[in-house]
N, C-alpha and C. Protein backbone atom coordinates (compact mmCIF):
# COMPACT_ATOMS: atom_id res chain seq x y z
N UNK A 1 9.95 -2.40 15.92
CA UNK A 1 9.26 -3.33 15.05
C UNK A 1 9.15 -2.75 13.66
N UNK A 2 9.45 -3.57 12.68
CA UNK A 2 9.31 -3.16 11.29
C UNK A 2 7.83 -3.24 10.92
N UNK A 3 7.24 -2.10 10.64
CA UNK A 3 5.83 -2.10 10.30
C UNK A 3 5.60 -2.73 8.93
N UNK A 4 6.54 -2.52 8.02
CA UNK A 4 6.39 -3.10 6.68
C UNK A 4 6.58 -4.61 6.75
N UNK A 5 7.59 -5.06 7.47
CA UNK A 5 7.88 -6.49 7.56
C UNK A 5 6.80 -7.29 8.24
N UNK A 6 6.01 -6.67 9.13
CA UNK A 6 4.94 -7.36 9.85
C UNK A 6 3.77 -7.74 8.95
N UNK A 7 3.53 -6.94 7.90
CA UNK A 7 2.37 -7.18 7.05
C UNK A 7 2.57 -8.43 6.20
N UNK A 8 1.57 -9.29 6.12
CA UNK A 8 1.69 -10.45 5.23
C UNK A 8 1.51 -10.01 3.77
N UNK A 9 2.17 -10.73 2.87
CA UNK A 9 2.04 -10.45 1.44
C UNK A 9 1.00 -11.41 0.88
N UNK A 10 -0.02 -10.86 0.26
CA UNK A 10 -1.10 -11.69 -0.27
C UNK A 10 -0.68 -12.29 -1.60
N UNK A 11 -0.97 -13.58 -1.79
CA UNK A 11 -0.63 -14.27 -3.02
C UNK A 11 -1.87 -14.33 -3.92
N UNK A 12 -1.81 -13.74 -5.13
CA UNK A 12 -2.94 -13.83 -6.05
C UNK A 12 -3.17 -15.28 -6.52
N UNK A 13 -4.32 -15.52 -7.14
CA UNK A 13 -4.71 -16.88 -7.53
C UNK A 13 -3.77 -17.49 -8.56
N UNK A 14 -3.22 -16.69 -9.47
CA UNK A 14 -2.41 -17.21 -10.57
C UNK A 14 -0.95 -17.41 -10.21
N UNK A 15 -0.55 -17.09 -8.99
CA UNK A 15 0.86 -17.11 -8.60
C UNK A 15 1.16 -18.30 -7.69
N UNK A 16 2.32 -18.95 -7.93
CA UNK A 16 2.79 -20.03 -7.08
C UNK A 16 4.04 -19.56 -6.35
N UNK A 17 4.09 -19.74 -5.03
CA UNK A 17 5.25 -19.36 -4.22
C UNK A 17 5.77 -20.62 -3.54
N UNK A 18 7.08 -20.88 -3.72
CA UNK A 18 7.74 -22.02 -3.07
C UNK A 18 8.89 -21.50 -2.24
N UNK A 19 9.06 -22.07 -1.05
CA UNK A 19 10.19 -21.73 -0.19
C UNK A 19 11.02 -22.99 0.01
N UNK A 20 12.26 -22.97 -0.48
CA UNK A 20 13.19 -24.09 -0.33
C UNK A 20 14.37 -23.61 0.50
N UNK A 21 14.30 -23.79 1.80
CA UNK A 21 15.38 -23.32 2.67
C UNK A 21 15.44 -21.80 2.67
N UNK A 22 16.52 -21.25 2.11
CA UNK A 22 16.64 -19.79 2.04
C UNK A 22 16.27 -19.24 0.67
N UNK A 23 15.82 -20.08 -0.25
CA UNK A 23 15.44 -19.63 -1.59
C UNK A 23 13.93 -19.51 -1.70
N UNK A 24 13.48 -18.40 -2.29
CA UNK A 24 12.06 -18.18 -2.55
C UNK A 24 11.89 -18.15 -4.06
N UNK A 25 11.02 -19.00 -4.59
CA UNK A 25 10.76 -19.08 -6.03
C UNK A 25 9.32 -18.68 -6.26
N UNK A 26 9.12 -17.70 -7.14
CA UNK A 26 7.78 -17.18 -7.43
C UNK A 26 7.52 -17.33 -8.92
N UNK A 27 6.42 -18.00 -9.27
CA UNK A 27 6.03 -18.19 -10.67
C UNK A 27 4.66 -17.58 -10.89
N UNK A 28 4.52 -16.90 -12.02
CA UNK A 28 3.24 -16.28 -12.36
C UNK A 28 3.04 -16.26 -13.86
N UNK A 29 1.98 -15.61 -14.31
CA UNK A 29 1.69 -15.58 -15.75
C UNK A 29 2.74 -14.85 -16.58
N UNK A 30 3.46 -13.89 -16.01
CA UNK A 30 4.44 -13.13 -16.79
C UNK A 30 5.85 -13.70 -16.70
N UNK A 31 6.11 -14.63 -15.77
CA UNK A 31 7.45 -15.19 -15.68
C UNK A 31 7.73 -15.83 -14.34
N UNK A 32 9.02 -16.08 -14.12
CA UNK A 32 9.47 -16.76 -12.91
C UNK A 32 10.64 -15.96 -12.32
N UNK A 33 10.64 -15.79 -10.99
CA UNK A 33 11.72 -15.08 -10.31
C UNK A 33 12.13 -15.87 -9.08
N UNK A 34 13.39 -15.73 -8.69
CA UNK A 34 13.84 -16.35 -7.45
C UNK A 34 14.67 -15.35 -6.66
N UNK A 35 14.75 -15.60 -5.36
CA UNK A 35 15.40 -14.68 -4.43
C UNK A 35 15.98 -15.49 -3.29
N UNK A 36 17.20 -15.16 -2.89
CA UNK A 36 17.85 -15.83 -1.77
C UNK A 36 17.75 -14.95 -0.54
N UNK A 37 17.14 -15.47 0.52
CA UNK A 37 16.85 -14.71 1.73
C UNK A 37 18.07 -14.73 2.66
N UNK A 38 18.29 -13.65 3.36
CA UNK A 38 19.38 -13.56 4.34
C UNK A 38 19.14 -14.57 5.46
N UNK A 39 20.22 -15.04 6.09
CA UNK A 39 20.10 -16.10 7.10
C UNK A 39 19.35 -15.68 8.35
N UNK A 40 19.26 -14.37 8.64
CA UNK A 40 18.54 -13.90 9.84
C UNK A 40 17.06 -13.66 9.59
N UNK A 41 16.60 -13.94 8.40
CA UNK A 41 15.19 -13.73 8.05
C UNK A 41 14.63 -15.04 7.52
N UNK A 42 13.44 -15.41 7.96
CA UNK A 42 12.80 -16.62 7.47
C UNK A 42 11.50 -16.26 6.76
N UNK A 43 11.21 -17.01 5.71
CA UNK A 43 10.00 -16.79 4.91
C UNK A 43 9.19 -18.07 4.94
N UNK A 44 7.87 -17.94 5.13
CA UNK A 44 6.99 -19.11 5.11
C UNK A 44 5.70 -18.75 4.38
N UNK A 45 5.08 -19.79 3.81
CA UNK A 45 3.82 -19.61 3.11
C UNK A 45 2.71 -20.17 3.99
N UNK A 46 1.70 -19.33 4.26
CA UNK A 46 0.59 -19.72 5.11
C UNK A 46 -0.70 -19.53 4.32
N UNK A 47 -1.15 -20.56 3.63
CA UNK A 47 -2.37 -20.46 2.82
C UNK A 47 -2.16 -19.53 1.64
N UNK A 48 -2.82 -18.38 1.68
CA UNK A 48 -2.71 -17.42 0.58
C UNK A 48 -1.86 -16.21 0.95
N UNK A 49 -1.04 -16.36 1.99
CA UNK A 49 -0.17 -15.26 2.43
C UNK A 49 1.27 -15.73 2.57
N UNK A 50 2.21 -14.80 2.35
CA UNK A 50 3.61 -15.04 2.62
C UNK A 50 3.96 -14.26 3.88
N UNK A 51 4.55 -14.96 4.85
CA UNK A 51 4.92 -14.32 6.11
C UNK A 51 6.44 -14.23 6.21
N UNK A 52 6.93 -13.09 6.68
CA UNK A 52 8.37 -12.87 6.84
C UNK A 52 8.63 -12.65 8.33
N UNK A 53 9.55 -13.43 8.89
CA UNK A 53 9.91 -13.33 10.31
C UNK A 53 11.40 -13.05 10.42
N UNK A 54 11.80 -12.43 11.53
CA UNK A 54 13.22 -12.15 11.75
C UNK A 54 13.72 -12.89 12.99
N UNK A 55 15.04 -13.11 13.05
CA UNK A 55 15.64 -13.90 14.12
C UNK A 55 15.94 -13.07 15.36
N UNK A 56 16.27 -11.80 15.19
CA UNK A 56 16.64 -11.00 16.36
C UNK A 56 16.10 -9.58 16.22
N UNK A 57 16.37 -8.78 17.23
CA UNK A 57 15.88 -7.39 17.25
C UNK A 57 16.99 -6.39 16.92
N UNK A 58 18.07 -6.84 16.30
CA UNK A 58 19.15 -5.93 15.90
C UNK A 58 18.64 -4.96 14.85
N UNK A 59 19.26 -3.79 14.82
CA UNK A 59 18.85 -2.75 13.87
C UNK A 59 18.99 -3.23 12.42
N UNK A 60 20.11 -3.88 12.10
CA UNK A 60 20.33 -4.36 10.74
C UNK A 60 19.33 -5.45 10.36
N UNK A 61 19.01 -6.31 11.28
CA UNK A 61 18.06 -7.40 11.01
C UNK A 61 16.66 -6.84 10.81
N UNK A 62 16.32 -5.80 11.57
CA UNK A 62 15.02 -5.14 11.38
C UNK A 62 14.92 -4.54 9.97
N UNK A 63 16.02 -3.94 9.52
CA UNK A 63 16.03 -3.38 8.16
C UNK A 63 15.88 -4.47 7.12
N UNK A 64 16.58 -5.60 7.30
CA UNK A 64 16.46 -6.72 6.37
C UNK A 64 15.05 -7.31 6.36
N UNK A 65 14.38 -7.26 7.49
CA UNK A 65 13.02 -7.78 7.61
C UNK A 65 12.08 -7.03 6.67
N UNK A 66 12.09 -5.71 6.75
CA UNK A 66 11.24 -4.90 5.88
C UNK A 66 11.66 -4.99 4.42
N UNK A 67 12.98 -5.03 4.17
CA UNK A 67 13.50 -5.13 2.81
C UNK A 67 13.05 -6.43 2.15
N UNK A 68 13.16 -7.53 2.88
CA UNK A 68 12.78 -8.83 2.33
C UNK A 68 11.30 -8.87 1.98
N UNK A 69 10.46 -8.33 2.86
CA UNK A 69 9.03 -8.30 2.59
C UNK A 69 8.72 -7.46 1.36
N UNK A 70 9.39 -6.31 1.22
CA UNK A 70 9.17 -5.44 0.06
C UNK A 70 9.63 -6.10 -1.24
N UNK A 71 10.77 -6.80 -1.19
CA UNK A 71 11.27 -7.47 -2.39
C UNK A 71 10.33 -8.59 -2.83
N UNK A 72 9.81 -9.35 -1.88
CA UNK A 72 8.87 -10.43 -2.22
C UNK A 72 7.57 -9.84 -2.78
N UNK A 73 7.10 -8.76 -2.19
CA UNK A 73 5.90 -8.09 -2.69
C UNK A 73 6.11 -7.59 -4.12
N UNK A 74 7.27 -7.00 -4.40
CA UNK A 74 7.58 -6.52 -5.75
C UNK A 74 7.70 -7.67 -6.74
N UNK A 75 8.24 -8.80 -6.28
CA UNK A 75 8.35 -9.95 -7.18
C UNK A 75 6.97 -10.50 -7.54
N UNK A 76 6.07 -10.55 -6.57
CA UNK A 76 4.72 -11.03 -6.84
C UNK A 76 4.00 -10.07 -7.79
N UNK A 77 4.16 -8.77 -7.58
CA UNK A 77 3.56 -7.79 -8.49
C UNK A 77 4.17 -7.89 -9.89
N UNK A 78 5.46 -8.17 -9.96
CA UNK A 78 6.15 -8.28 -11.24
C UNK A 78 5.68 -9.45 -12.07
N UNK A 79 5.48 -10.62 -11.44
CA UNK A 79 5.06 -11.80 -12.21
C UNK A 79 3.58 -11.76 -12.54
N UNK A 80 2.79 -10.90 -11.89
CA UNK A 80 1.37 -10.79 -12.24
C UNK A 80 1.13 -9.64 -13.21
N UNK A 81 1.61 -8.44 -12.89
CA UNK A 81 1.33 -7.26 -13.73
C UNK A 81 2.54 -6.79 -14.52
N UNK A 82 3.73 -6.94 -13.98
CA UNK A 82 4.93 -6.42 -14.62
C UNK A 82 5.15 -4.96 -14.24
N UNK A 83 6.34 -4.46 -14.57
CA UNK A 83 6.69 -3.07 -14.29
C UNK A 83 6.97 -2.35 -15.60
N UNK A 84 6.77 -1.04 -15.58
CA UNK A 84 6.88 -0.26 -16.80
C UNK A 84 7.45 1.12 -16.48
N UNK A 85 8.41 1.57 -17.28
CA UNK A 85 8.94 2.93 -17.18
C UNK A 85 8.84 3.55 -18.56
N UNK A 86 8.47 4.82 -18.58
CA UNK A 86 8.37 5.53 -19.84
C UNK A 86 9.32 6.72 -19.83
N UNK A 87 10.07 6.87 -20.92
CA UNK A 87 11.00 7.98 -21.09
C UNK A 87 10.58 8.79 -22.30
N UNK A 88 10.86 10.07 -22.28
CA UNK A 88 10.61 10.90 -23.45
C UNK A 88 11.87 11.68 -23.78
N UNK A 89 12.10 11.84 -25.07
CA UNK A 89 13.28 12.55 -25.55
C UNK A 89 12.82 13.89 -26.10
N UNK A 90 13.49 14.97 -25.65
CA UNK A 90 13.17 16.30 -26.15
C UNK A 90 14.42 16.93 -26.71
N UNK A 91 14.29 17.55 -27.87
CA UNK A 91 15.41 18.21 -28.52
C UNK A 91 15.28 18.04 -30.03
N UNK A 92 15.73 19.02 -30.77
CA UNK A 92 15.64 18.98 -32.23
C UNK A 92 16.60 17.92 -32.76
N UNK A 93 16.09 16.97 -33.51
CA UNK A 93 16.90 15.91 -34.08
C UNK A 93 17.21 14.77 -33.14
N UNK A 94 16.73 14.82 -31.92
CA UNK A 94 16.96 13.74 -30.96
C UNK A 94 15.94 12.64 -31.23
N UNK A 95 16.40 11.40 -31.32
CA UNK A 95 15.47 10.30 -31.57
C UNK A 95 16.06 8.99 -31.08
N UNK A 96 15.24 7.96 -31.05
CA UNK A 96 15.65 6.63 -30.62
C UNK A 96 15.02 5.59 -31.54
N UNK A 97 15.64 4.43 -31.61
CA UNK A 97 15.11 3.32 -32.40
C UNK A 97 15.64 2.01 -31.83
N UNK A 98 14.82 0.96 -31.93
CA UNK A 98 15.26 -0.36 -31.50
C UNK A 98 15.76 -1.10 -32.74
N UNK A 99 17.01 -1.59 -32.66
CA UNK A 99 17.61 -2.33 -33.77
C UNK A 99 18.10 -3.67 -33.23
N UNK A 100 17.30 -4.70 -33.38
CA UNK A 100 17.65 -6.01 -32.86
C UNK A 100 17.66 -6.01 -31.33
N UNK A 101 18.83 -6.28 -30.73
CA UNK A 101 18.97 -6.29 -29.27
C UNK A 101 19.59 -5.00 -28.76
N UNK A 102 19.63 -3.95 -29.59
CA UNK A 102 20.23 -2.68 -29.20
C UNK A 102 19.20 -1.55 -29.27
N UNK A 103 19.37 -0.58 -28.37
CA UNK A 103 18.60 0.65 -28.43
C UNK A 103 19.53 1.71 -28.99
N UNK A 104 19.20 2.25 -30.16
CA UNK A 104 20.02 3.23 -30.85
C UNK A 104 19.52 4.62 -30.48
N UNK A 105 20.37 5.43 -29.85
CA UNK A 105 20.00 6.78 -29.42
C UNK A 105 20.78 7.80 -30.21
N UNK A 106 20.09 8.72 -30.85
CA UNK A 106 20.72 9.86 -31.53
C UNK A 106 20.41 11.08 -30.69
N UNK A 107 21.40 11.54 -29.91
CA UNK A 107 21.15 12.59 -28.93
C UNK A 107 22.02 13.83 -29.16
N UNK A 108 22.34 14.13 -30.41
CA UNK A 108 23.08 15.35 -30.71
C UNK A 108 24.58 15.21 -30.65
N UNK A 109 25.08 14.02 -30.32
CA UNK A 109 26.51 13.79 -30.36
C UNK A 109 26.93 13.51 -31.79
N UNK A 110 28.23 13.45 -32.05
CA UNK A 110 28.73 13.18 -33.40
C UNK A 110 28.56 11.72 -33.80
N UNK A 111 28.16 10.88 -32.86
CA UNK A 111 28.01 9.46 -33.10
C UNK A 111 26.75 8.96 -32.40
N UNK A 112 26.13 7.90 -32.93
CA UNK A 112 24.97 7.33 -32.22
C UNK A 112 25.43 6.55 -31.00
N UNK A 113 24.57 6.48 -29.99
CA UNK A 113 24.84 5.72 -28.78
C UNK A 113 24.02 4.44 -28.82
N UNK A 114 24.64 3.32 -28.49
CA UNK A 114 23.96 2.04 -28.49
C UNK A 114 23.92 1.49 -27.07
N UNK A 115 22.75 1.11 -26.60
CA UNK A 115 22.56 0.45 -25.30
C UNK A 115 22.04 -0.96 -25.58
N UNK A 116 22.73 -1.96 -25.06
CA UNK A 116 22.30 -3.35 -25.23
C UNK A 116 21.10 -3.60 -24.32
N UNK A 117 20.02 -4.09 -24.89
CA UNK A 117 18.79 -4.36 -24.14
C UNK A 117 18.94 -5.72 -23.46
N UNK A 118 18.78 -5.79 -22.12
CA UNK A 118 18.84 -7.09 -21.43
C UNK A 118 17.77 -8.05 -21.95
N UNK A 119 18.06 -9.35 -21.84
CA UNK A 119 17.18 -10.38 -22.41
C UNK A 119 15.77 -10.36 -21.82
N UNK A 120 15.64 -10.07 -20.52
CA UNK A 120 14.33 -10.16 -19.89
C UNK A 120 13.55 -8.85 -19.91
N UNK A 121 14.02 -7.86 -20.67
CA UNK A 121 13.28 -6.60 -20.79
C UNK A 121 12.73 -6.46 -22.20
N UNK A 122 11.61 -5.76 -22.31
CA UNK A 122 10.99 -5.47 -23.60
C UNK A 122 11.00 -3.96 -23.77
N UNK A 123 11.60 -3.48 -24.86
CA UNK A 123 11.72 -2.04 -25.11
C UNK A 123 11.01 -1.71 -26.41
N UNK A 124 10.18 -0.67 -26.35
CA UNK A 124 9.47 -0.18 -27.54
C UNK A 124 9.77 1.30 -27.70
N UNK A 125 9.85 1.75 -28.95
CA UNK A 125 10.00 3.18 -29.23
C UNK A 125 8.78 3.61 -30.03
N UNK A 126 8.08 4.62 -29.50
CA UNK A 126 6.87 5.13 -30.13
C UNK A 126 7.16 6.54 -30.64
N UNK A 127 6.88 6.79 -31.90
CA UNK A 127 7.05 8.11 -32.52
C UNK A 127 8.48 8.65 -32.41
N UNK A 128 9.48 7.79 -32.37
CA UNK A 128 10.91 8.14 -32.32
C UNK A 128 11.34 8.86 -31.06
N UNK A 129 10.43 9.32 -30.21
CA UNK A 129 10.84 10.09 -29.04
C UNK A 129 10.32 9.54 -27.72
N UNK A 130 9.49 8.55 -27.73
CA UNK A 130 8.96 7.95 -26.50
C UNK A 130 9.46 6.52 -26.38
N UNK A 131 10.12 6.22 -25.26
CA UNK A 131 10.68 4.90 -25.02
C UNK A 131 9.88 4.25 -23.89
N UNK A 132 9.41 3.02 -24.13
CA UNK A 132 8.66 2.27 -23.12
C UNK A 132 9.47 1.03 -22.77
N UNK A 133 9.81 0.90 -21.48
CA UNK A 133 10.60 -0.22 -20.99
C UNK A 133 9.71 -1.05 -20.07
N UNK A 134 9.56 -2.35 -20.38
CA UNK A 134 8.70 -3.23 -19.60
C UNK A 134 9.48 -4.47 -19.20
N UNK A 135 9.15 -5.00 -18.00
CA UNK A 135 9.79 -6.21 -17.54
C UNK A 135 9.18 -6.71 -16.25
N UNK A 136 9.67 -7.85 -15.79
CA UNK A 136 9.17 -8.49 -14.58
C UNK A 136 9.90 -7.98 -13.34
N UNK A 137 11.20 -7.69 -13.49
CA UNK A 137 12.04 -7.29 -12.36
C UNK A 137 12.08 -5.77 -12.25
N UNK A 138 11.57 -5.26 -11.14
CA UNK A 138 11.50 -3.80 -10.92
C UNK A 138 12.88 -3.16 -10.96
N UNK A 139 13.87 -3.81 -10.38
CA UNK A 139 15.21 -3.26 -10.32
C UNK A 139 15.82 -3.16 -11.71
N UNK A 140 15.67 -4.17 -12.55
CA UNK A 140 16.25 -4.15 -13.90
C UNK A 140 15.57 -3.10 -14.78
N UNK A 141 14.25 -2.97 -14.66
CA UNK A 141 13.53 -1.97 -15.44
C UNK A 141 14.00 -0.57 -15.06
N UNK A 142 14.07 -0.30 -13.76
CA UNK A 142 14.50 1.02 -13.29
C UNK A 142 15.95 1.32 -13.62
N UNK A 143 16.82 0.31 -13.52
CA UNK A 143 18.24 0.52 -13.81
C UNK A 143 18.47 0.80 -15.30
N UNK A 144 17.77 0.06 -16.18
CA UNK A 144 17.94 0.31 -17.62
C UNK A 144 17.40 1.69 -17.98
N UNK A 145 16.27 2.09 -17.39
CA UNK A 145 15.72 3.42 -17.65
C UNK A 145 16.70 4.50 -17.16
N UNK A 146 17.32 4.30 -16.01
CA UNK A 146 18.29 5.26 -15.49
C UNK A 146 19.54 5.32 -16.37
N UNK A 147 19.96 4.17 -16.91
CA UNK A 147 21.13 4.15 -17.79
C UNK A 147 20.85 4.92 -19.08
N UNK A 148 19.65 4.74 -19.64
CA UNK A 148 19.29 5.47 -20.86
C UNK A 148 19.21 6.97 -20.57
N UNK A 149 18.60 7.34 -19.45
CA UNK A 149 18.47 8.75 -19.08
C UNK A 149 19.83 9.38 -18.85
N UNK A 150 20.79 8.63 -18.31
CA UNK A 150 22.11 9.18 -18.00
C UNK A 150 22.93 9.50 -19.26
N UNK A 151 22.52 9.02 -20.43
CA UNK A 151 23.25 9.33 -21.65
C UNK A 151 23.14 10.82 -22.01
N UNK A 152 22.03 11.45 -21.68
CA UNK A 152 21.85 12.89 -21.89
C UNK A 152 20.74 13.37 -20.95
N UNK A 153 21.07 13.63 -19.67
CA UNK A 153 20.04 14.09 -18.73
C UNK A 153 19.48 15.44 -19.16
N UNK A 154 18.25 15.76 -18.79
CA UNK A 154 17.66 17.03 -19.22
C UNK A 154 18.45 18.21 -18.66
N UNK A 155 18.75 19.16 -19.53
CA UNK A 155 19.51 20.34 -19.09
C UNK A 155 18.55 21.49 -18.80
N UNK A 156 18.91 22.38 -17.87
CA UNK A 156 17.96 23.38 -17.37
C UNK A 156 17.73 24.60 -18.27
N UNK A 157 18.54 24.81 -19.30
CA UNK A 157 18.39 26.03 -20.09
C UNK A 157 17.40 25.88 -21.24
N UNK A 158 17.53 24.83 -22.02
CA UNK A 158 16.59 24.62 -23.12
C UNK A 158 15.66 23.43 -22.87
N UNK A 159 15.97 22.61 -21.88
CA UNK A 159 15.13 21.47 -21.56
C UNK A 159 15.41 20.26 -22.43
N UNK A 160 16.49 20.27 -23.21
CA UNK A 160 16.81 19.14 -24.08
C UNK A 160 17.30 17.96 -23.25
N UNK A 161 17.06 16.76 -23.75
CA UNK A 161 17.59 15.57 -23.10
C UNK A 161 16.55 14.48 -22.93
N UNK A 162 16.94 13.44 -22.22
CA UNK A 162 16.08 12.29 -21.96
C UNK A 162 15.54 12.43 -20.54
N UNK A 163 14.23 12.35 -20.41
CA UNK A 163 13.60 12.47 -19.08
C UNK A 163 12.52 11.42 -18.93
N UNK A 164 12.16 11.17 -17.67
CA UNK A 164 11.04 10.28 -17.39
C UNK A 164 9.76 10.98 -17.80
N UNK A 165 8.77 10.22 -18.22
CA UNK A 165 7.50 10.81 -18.61
C UNK A 165 6.87 11.49 -17.40
N UNK A 166 6.51 12.75 -17.54
CA UNK A 166 5.91 13.51 -16.46
C UNK A 166 6.91 14.20 -15.56
N UNK A 167 8.22 14.00 -15.78
CA UNK A 167 9.24 14.64 -14.94
C UNK A 167 9.29 16.13 -15.23
N UNK A 168 9.32 16.91 -14.19
CA UNK A 168 9.40 18.37 -14.32
C UNK A 168 10.86 18.80 -14.20
N UNK A 169 11.32 19.58 -15.16
CA UNK A 169 12.69 20.09 -15.14
C UNK A 169 12.62 21.58 -14.87
N UNK A 170 13.29 22.02 -13.81
CA UNK A 170 13.30 23.45 -13.49
C UNK A 170 14.14 24.17 -14.51
N UNK A 171 13.56 25.16 -15.14
CA UNK A 171 14.25 25.91 -16.19
C UNK A 171 14.93 27.13 -15.59
N UNK A 172 16.09 27.49 -16.14
CA UNK A 172 16.82 28.67 -15.72
C UNK A 172 16.79 29.70 -16.84
N UNK A 173 16.92 30.96 -16.45
CA UNK A 173 17.03 32.02 -17.45
C UNK A 173 18.45 32.03 -17.99
N UNK A 174 18.58 32.39 -19.26
CA UNK A 174 19.90 32.53 -19.85
C UNK A 174 20.52 33.85 -19.46
N UNK A 175 21.62 34.19 -20.11
CA UNK A 175 22.28 35.45 -19.83
C UNK A 175 21.40 36.60 -20.30
N UNK A 176 21.43 37.70 -19.58
CA UNK A 176 20.66 38.88 -19.97
C UNK A 176 21.60 40.00 -20.36
N UNK A 177 21.17 40.81 -21.33
CA UNK A 177 21.95 41.95 -21.80
C UNK A 177 21.58 43.15 -20.97
N UNK A 178 22.61 43.91 -20.53
CA UNK A 178 22.32 45.08 -19.70
C UNK A 178 22.32 46.35 -20.48
């Protein structure tokens, strides 16, 4: 039994959930999201709860059961509160700026790097070195943050690079003279 899939998802007062066949549409104060459910999983609304049921006891269907419940829970949290990732840039001369629909990164290369900001995300740069990414979809927020971080991941010798806020980077000693 999927312990996660068994739990009902509570619907807050400001959120509307509609189930049309295999499509789940969730509307809230921050936006609207939709999701297409796998054919072996059914979703129903019971008062102020969303219930997820599965068709069989196969291993793959059990996994889809818990996954579907988690995705619906994340969508409800996204349309009510939203998701947020914070990145920090460390290094001399390393900085970022938002220019229209692009994030301009100066990370020590001979050229600036431009990342196109998706339409449903909001990106802010604070003090040239702190990047705040906000959005309704948890997957899009996390993927854009990972894409920005992958442009210059933190290196272990000097600690330069783009990292998540609060991320600890294990430092290594450099070469020693004998």
